[in-house]
Protein backbone atom coordinates (compact mmCIF):
# COMPACT_ATOMS: atom_id res chain seq x y z
CA MET A 1 1.25 -23.88 -28.88
CA ALA A 2 1.83 -20.91 -31.10
CA THR A 3 3.60 -19.98 -34.25
CA SER A 4 5.21 -16.74 -35.35
CA ALA A 5 2.78 -14.53 -37.26
CA ASP A 6 5.22 -14.16 -40.14
CA ARG A 7 5.65 -17.91 -40.64
CA VAL A 8 3.28 -19.36 -43.20
CA VAL A 9 2.29 -23.03 -43.06
CA VAL A 10 1.17 -24.46 -46.39
CA VAL A 11 -1.32 -27.34 -46.20
CA THR A 12 -1.77 -29.44 -49.32
CA GLY A 13 -4.91 -31.49 -49.82
CA ALA A 14 -6.73 -28.95 -47.67
CA GLY A 15 -10.14 -30.01 -48.98
CA GLY A 16 -9.79 -33.65 -47.92
CA ARG A 17 -10.66 -35.41 -44.68
CA LEU A 18 -7.23 -34.92 -43.12
CA GLY A 19 -6.37 -31.57 -44.69
CA THR A 20 -9.64 -29.98 -43.55
CA ARG A 21 -9.07 -31.09 -39.97
CA LEU A 22 -5.54 -29.73 -40.03
CA ALA A 23 -6.74 -26.39 -41.38
CA PHE A 24 -9.23 -25.97 -38.53
CA ARG A 25 -6.65 -26.87 -35.90
CA LEU A 26 -4.07 -24.46 -37.28
CA ALA A 27 -6.70 -21.71 -37.45
CA ALA A 28 -7.64 -22.34 -33.82
CA GLU A 29 -3.98 -21.86 -32.84
CA GLY A 30 -3.73 -18.58 -34.76
CA ALA A 31 -1.34 -19.93 -37.38
CA GLN A 32 -0.92 -18.21 -40.72
CA GLN A 33 -1.70 -20.80 -43.36
CA ARG A 34 -2.07 -21.24 -47.08
CA LEU A 35 -4.56 -23.91 -48.13
CA ILE A 36 -3.86 -25.70 -51.40
CA LEU A 37 -6.75 -27.52 -53.09
CA PRO A 38 -7.97 -28.31 -56.61
CA ASP A 39 -11.42 -26.75 -56.24
CA VAL A 40 -12.29 -23.62 -54.27
CA ARG A 41 -15.69 -25.11 -53.43
CA ARG A 42 -13.92 -27.60 -51.16
CA ALA A 43 -12.19 -24.92 -49.11
CA PRO A 44 -12.76 -25.29 -45.33
CA HIS A 45 -14.93 -22.56 -43.81
CA LEU A 46 -16.63 -21.66 -40.55
CA THR A 47 -20.18 -22.78 -39.85
CA ASP A 48 -21.52 -19.35 -40.83
CA GLY A 49 -19.80 -19.59 -44.21
CA ARG A 50 -16.91 -17.23 -43.46
CA PRO A 51 -13.38 -18.34 -44.41
CA LEU A 52 -11.00 -19.59 -41.74
CA PRO A 53 -9.08 -16.76 -40.06
CA ASN A 54 -5.47 -16.17 -41.15
CA ALA A 55 -5.95 -18.56 -44.05
CA SER A 56 -5.55 -17.89 -47.76
CA VAL A 57 -6.83 -20.33 -50.36
CA VAL A 58 -4.87 -21.23 -53.48
CA VAL A 59 -6.51 -23.32 -56.19
CA CYS A 60 -3.98 -25.64 -57.81
CA PRO A 61 -5.38 -28.32 -60.14
CA ASP A 62 -4.17 -31.90 -59.93
CA GLY A 63 -1.34 -32.39 -62.39
CA ALA A 64 -0.34 -28.72 -62.38
CA ALA A 65 2.97 -27.82 -64.03
CA PRO A 66 6.07 -27.81 -61.77
CA ASP A 67 6.44 -24.02 -61.88
CA VAL A 68 2.80 -23.60 -60.85
CA LEU A 69 3.31 -25.94 -57.91
CA THR A 70 6.48 -24.14 -56.88
CA ALA A 71 4.67 -20.79 -56.93
CA THR A 72 2.05 -22.10 -54.48
CA PHE A 73 4.83 -22.72 -51.91
CA ALA A 74 6.77 -19.49 -52.46
CA GLY A 75 7.46 -17.56 -49.26
CA ALA A 76 6.26 -20.35 -46.97
CA ASP A 77 8.18 -21.45 -43.90
CA THR A 78 6.72 -24.95 -43.58
CA VAL A 79 4.85 -27.25 -45.96
CA LEU A 80 2.56 -30.01 -44.69
CA LEU A 81 2.28 -32.54 -47.50
CA VAL A 82 -0.91 -34.58 -47.26
CA PRO A 83 -1.00 -37.67 -49.50
CA ALA A 84 -2.94 -37.43 -52.74
CA ARG A 85 -3.86 -39.80 -55.54
CA THR A 86 -1.28 -38.11 -57.74
CA ASP A 87 2.50 -38.57 -57.54
CA PRO A 88 3.55 -37.45 -54.01
CA VAL A 89 7.08 -36.63 -55.16
CA ARG A 90 6.02 -33.78 -57.48
CA PRO A 91 4.73 -31.42 -54.75
CA LEU A 92 7.74 -32.30 -52.63
CA GLN A 93 10.11 -31.30 -55.41
CA ALA A 94 8.15 -28.08 -55.82
CA ALA A 95 8.49 -27.33 -52.10
CA ILE A 96 12.23 -27.89 -52.33
CA ALA A 97 12.45 -25.60 -55.35
CA ALA A 98 10.52 -22.92 -53.43
CA ASP A 99 13.24 -22.98 -50.75
CA VAL A 100 10.94 -23.67 -47.80
CA ARG A 101 12.57 -24.30 -44.44
CA ARG A 102 10.75 -27.45 -43.37
CA VAL A 103 8.52 -30.19 -44.74
CA VAL A 104 6.21 -32.41 -42.68
CA LEU A 105 5.19 -35.39 -44.80
CA VAL A 106 2.18 -37.59 -44.10
CA SER A 107 3.33 -41.05 -45.17
CA GLU A 108 2.04 -44.57 -44.51
CA VAL A 109 2.98 -47.20 -41.95
CA GLY A 110 5.23 -49.77 -43.61
CA ALA A 111 6.65 -47.38 -46.20
CA SER A 112 9.59 -49.04 -47.95
CA PRO A 113 10.82 -49.67 -51.49
CA ASN A 114 9.34 -53.18 -51.42
CA ALA A 115 6.21 -52.45 -49.39
CA VAL A 116 3.14 -54.61 -49.94
CA SER A 117 0.84 -51.58 -50.13
CA ARG A 118 1.06 -49.52 -53.31
CA ARG A 119 0.53 -46.34 -51.33
CA ALA A 120 3.38 -47.29 -49.00
CA ARG A 121 5.67 -47.74 -51.99
CA ASP A 122 4.65 -44.32 -53.33
CA ALA A 123 5.15 -42.84 -49.86
CA TRP A 124 8.63 -44.31 -49.66
CA ARG A 125 9.63 -42.55 -52.87
CA ALA A 126 8.62 -39.24 -51.29
CA GLU A 127 10.40 -40.11 -48.03
CA ARG A 128 13.59 -40.98 -49.89
CA ARG A 129 13.52 -37.69 -51.80
CA LEU A 130 12.83 -35.78 -48.59
CA ARG A 131 15.76 -37.38 -46.76
CA SER A 132 18.14 -36.21 -49.46
CA SER A 133 16.67 -32.70 -49.74
CA GLY A 134 18.79 -30.94 -47.13
CA LEU A 135 15.64 -29.51 -45.52
CA GLN A 136 14.41 -29.93 -41.99
CA TRP A 137 11.80 -32.66 -42.15
CA THR A 138 9.46 -34.88 -40.18
CA VAL A 139 7.63 -37.96 -41.46
CA LEU A 140 4.27 -38.99 -40.02
CA ARG A 141 3.48 -42.56 -41.04
CA SER A 142 -0.25 -43.06 -40.66
CA SER A 143 -2.03 -46.37 -40.29
CA VAL A 144 -5.23 -47.24 -42.16
CA PRO A 145 -7.92 -44.64 -41.32
CA HIS A 146 -10.96 -45.80 -39.37
CA SER A 147 -13.15 -44.29 -42.09
CA ARG A 148 -11.62 -46.55 -44.74
CA LEU A 149 -12.96 -49.56 -42.86
CA THR A 150 -16.49 -48.20 -42.75
CA ASP A 151 -16.27 -47.17 -46.42
CA ALA A 152 -15.49 -50.80 -47.28
CA VAL A 153 -18.83 -52.05 -45.97
CA VAL A 154 -21.31 -52.80 -48.76
CA ASP A 155 -24.72 -54.36 -48.06
CA ASP A 156 -23.71 -55.00 -44.43
CA VAL A 157 -20.61 -56.95 -45.48
CA LEU A 158 -17.03 -55.83 -44.90
CA ARG A 159 -15.33 -57.29 -47.94
CA ALA A 160 -11.55 -57.21 -47.75
CA PRO A 161 -8.85 -59.65 -48.93
CA ALA A 162 -7.07 -59.27 -45.58
CA GLY A 163 -7.30 -62.86 -44.30
CA THR A 164 -6.79 -63.05 -40.55
CA GLY A 165 -4.56 -59.98 -40.46
CA ARG A 166 -5.03 -57.29 -37.85
CA VAL A 167 -5.01 -53.52 -38.29
CA ALA A 168 -4.35 -50.79 -35.73
CA SER A 169 -6.48 -48.27 -37.62
CA VAL A 170 -6.40 -44.60 -36.63
CA SER A 171 -8.76 -41.63 -36.89
CA HIS A 172 -8.06 -38.65 -39.15
CA ASP A 173 -8.57 -36.42 -36.10
CA ASP A 174 -5.78 -38.16 -34.21
CA VAL A 175 -3.42 -37.77 -37.16
CA ALA A 176 -4.42 -34.10 -37.43
CA ASP A 177 -3.79 -33.52 -33.71
CA ALA A 178 -0.37 -35.18 -33.93
CA ALA A 179 0.54 -33.20 -37.04
CA THR A 180 -0.55 -29.93 -35.42
CA ALA A 181 1.62 -30.67 -32.40
CA VAL A 182 4.62 -31.23 -34.65
CA LEU A 183 3.96 -28.19 -36.82
CA LEU A 184 3.52 -25.71 -33.98
CA ASP A 185 5.90 -27.08 -31.36
CA GLU A 186 7.99 -24.18 -30.02
CA ARG A 187 10.89 -26.49 -29.16
CA VAL A 188 13.03 -25.78 -32.20
CA HIS A 189 14.31 -28.83 -34.07
CA LEU A 190 12.74 -31.33 -31.63
CA HIS A 191 11.08 -33.20 -34.50
CA ASP A 192 13.81 -32.77 -37.11
CA GLN A 193 14.57 -35.97 -39.06
CA ALA A 194 12.03 -37.89 -36.97
CA VAL A 195 9.79 -40.67 -38.30
CA TYR A 196 6.62 -41.27 -36.28
CA ASP A 197 4.12 -44.13 -36.65
CA LEU A 198 0.56 -42.98 -35.94
CA THR A 199 -1.85 -45.79 -35.06
CA GLY A 200 -4.93 -46.49 -33.02
CA PRO A 201 -4.73 -48.10 -29.55
CA GLU A 202 -5.60 -51.65 -30.62
CA ALA A 203 -5.13 -54.02 -33.55
CA LEU A 204 -8.35 -55.60 -34.81
CA SER A 205 -9.00 -58.50 -37.16
CA GLY A 206 -11.68 -58.29 -39.83
CA ASP A 207 -14.05 -60.20 -37.55
CA ASP A 208 -13.26 -57.78 -34.72
CA VAL A 209 -14.02 -54.79 -36.95
CA ALA A 210 -17.32 -56.37 -38.02
CA ARG A 211 -18.24 -56.96 -34.37
CA VAL A 212 -17.51 -53.34 -33.43
CA LEU A 213 -19.53 -52.10 -36.40
CA THR A 214 -22.39 -54.43 -35.52
CA GLU A 215 -22.58 -52.95 -32.02
CA ALA A 216 -22.57 -49.40 -33.39
CA VAL A 217 -25.03 -49.91 -36.24
CA GLY A 218 -27.42 -52.18 -34.35
CA ARG A 219 -27.68 -54.87 -37.00
CA PRO A 220 -25.31 -57.65 -38.10
CA ILE A 221 -22.22 -56.62 -40.06
CA THR A 222 -20.12 -59.55 -41.27
CA TYR A 223 -16.55 -59.85 -42.49
CA GLU A 224 -15.89 -61.58 -45.79
CA PRO A 225 -12.20 -62.06 -46.68
CA SER A 226 -12.88 -61.72 -50.39
CA PRO A 227 -10.21 -62.97 -52.80
CA ALA A 228 -7.65 -60.47 -54.05
CA ALA A 229 -8.87 -60.85 -57.62
CA ASP A 230 -12.44 -59.81 -56.80
CA PRO A 231 -13.46 -57.84 -59.92
CA ASP A 232 -16.35 -56.01 -58.26
CA PRO A 233 -15.49 -52.28 -58.48
CA ASP A 234 -17.71 -51.58 -55.47
CA ALA A 235 -16.09 -54.14 -53.18
CA GLY A 236 -13.93 -51.54 -51.45
CA PRO A 237 -13.61 -47.82 -50.74
CA PHE A 238 -11.65 -47.23 -53.95
CA HIS A 239 -13.11 -47.44 -57.44
CA GLY A 240 -11.77 -47.90 -60.93
CA ARG A 241 -9.68 -51.02 -60.35
CA PRO A 242 -6.76 -51.48 -62.78
CA ASP A 243 -6.24 -54.62 -64.84
CA ASP A 244 -3.87 -55.92 -62.16
CA PRO A 245 -5.89 -56.14 -58.91
CA SER A 246 -2.67 -56.44 -56.87
CA ASP A 247 -1.88 -52.83 -57.83
CA ASP A 248 -5.29 -51.53 -56.67
CA PRO A 249 -4.90 -49.33 -53.55
CA TRP A 250 -7.59 -51.14 -51.54
CA THR A 251 -6.46 -54.63 -52.54
CA SER A 252 -2.80 -53.89 -51.82
CA CYS A 253 -3.75 -52.23 -48.52
CA CYS A 254 -5.62 -55.38 -47.50
CA ALA A 255 -2.66 -57.50 -48.58
CA ALA A 256 -0.49 -55.43 -46.25
CA VAL A 257 -2.99 -56.04 -43.43
CA ALA A 258 -2.83 -59.77 -44.14
CA ALA A 259 0.97 -59.61 -44.04
CA GLY A 260 0.94 -58.01 -40.57
CA VAL A 261 2.18 -54.59 -41.70
CA PHE A 262 -0.50 -52.67 -39.78
CA GLU A 263 -0.79 -54.78 -36.62
CA LYS A 264 1.80 -52.94 -34.50
CA VAL A 265 0.34 -50.46 -32.01
CA SER A 266 2.23 -47.22 -31.41
CA ALA A 267 1.80 -44.77 -28.52
CA THR A 268 2.98 -41.82 -30.63
CA VAL A 269 -0.46 -40.20 -30.93
CA GLU A 270 -0.74 -40.03 -27.15
CA SER A 271 2.83 -38.73 -26.88
CA LEU A 272 2.33 -35.94 -29.41
CA ALA A 273 -1.33 -35.04 -28.83
CA ALA A 274 -1.19 -35.48 -25.04
CA ARG A 275 -4.25 -37.75 -25.04
CA PRO A 276 -4.92 -41.39 -25.96
CA ALA A 277 -5.65 -42.31 -29.56
CA ARG A 278 -9.29 -43.13 -30.30
CA SER A 279 -10.22 -46.76 -30.79
CA LEU A 280 -12.55 -47.67 -33.65
CA ALA A 281 -15.43 -48.01 -31.18
CA THR A 282 -14.72 -44.61 -29.62
CA TRP A 283 -14.41 -42.97 -33.04
CA LEU A 284 -17.76 -44.45 -34.12
CA ASP A 285 -19.35 -43.03 -30.98
CA ASP A 286 -17.69 -39.60 -31.30
CA TYR A 287 -18.19 -39.06 -35.05
CA PRO A 288 -21.52 -40.59 -36.15
CA ALA A 289 -21.67 -38.37 -39.23
CA GLU A 290 -18.55 -40.08 -40.58
CA TRP A 291 -20.37 -43.38 -40.99
CA ALA A 292 -23.96 -42.22 -41.50
CA HIS A 293 -24.13 -44.21 -44.73
CA LEU A 294 -24.12 -47.42 -42.67
CA ARG A 295 -27.22 -46.39 -40.75
CA GLY A 296 -29.17 -45.82 -43.99
């Protein structure tokens, strides 16, 4: 894969788990990229401290004014929009105003106006705006990340109001590989107006996840389908629960799992990345640093 040297790919959320992985992959392919993040200290860099080649860093605070956002996208060919805690429609509108050619949006499996998951509802708003933008676009709907499951373990208990629902969780690396394939594919327009579901290779229940974690950690990890109204702010990988627990990202994500939203397995990762998606067990084996807190 390659991209023209005069085509700039903008990566938002470049300091996060997914954005960082994308930045390294684009750098490895020789792509010109502009990394957008709120704090320069989070900028991806090589192991010796040098910046990534062919990459410029633009600091853009969360909640920046529309004209500031638009300026960050000026002159870019493609924008890769990685989800953030802020309104996902604002950066999309800025990209449209900057007259970019193409937008690749990382969305969420199950995105719809009436989605169970709050993030999926937010993602749908961005998808709807993108569809009406007149731009070339591709939507990558990601399943629940493997890391979110390990982050939800507290005191050797996976607490999640997900009932007996199953989740085909996916690794950030698989999403990054799929996104890189879409961004740098030389077959012009192949991915235009396409919506891809990115999942892992198997759908696991909460008990299944606990069993896999138990085997990796070497001590018992149990699954507790805690009630949706659990007021404990440390009961999941998100903090600062609102007054309405059903609107909390972790709680609503678990409700979507319980409703079967994330149980479908897609082969799209293998199709785009030309290799099978990593199961939770394989990811735990390949990336021990990602769940080092469980070995404490």
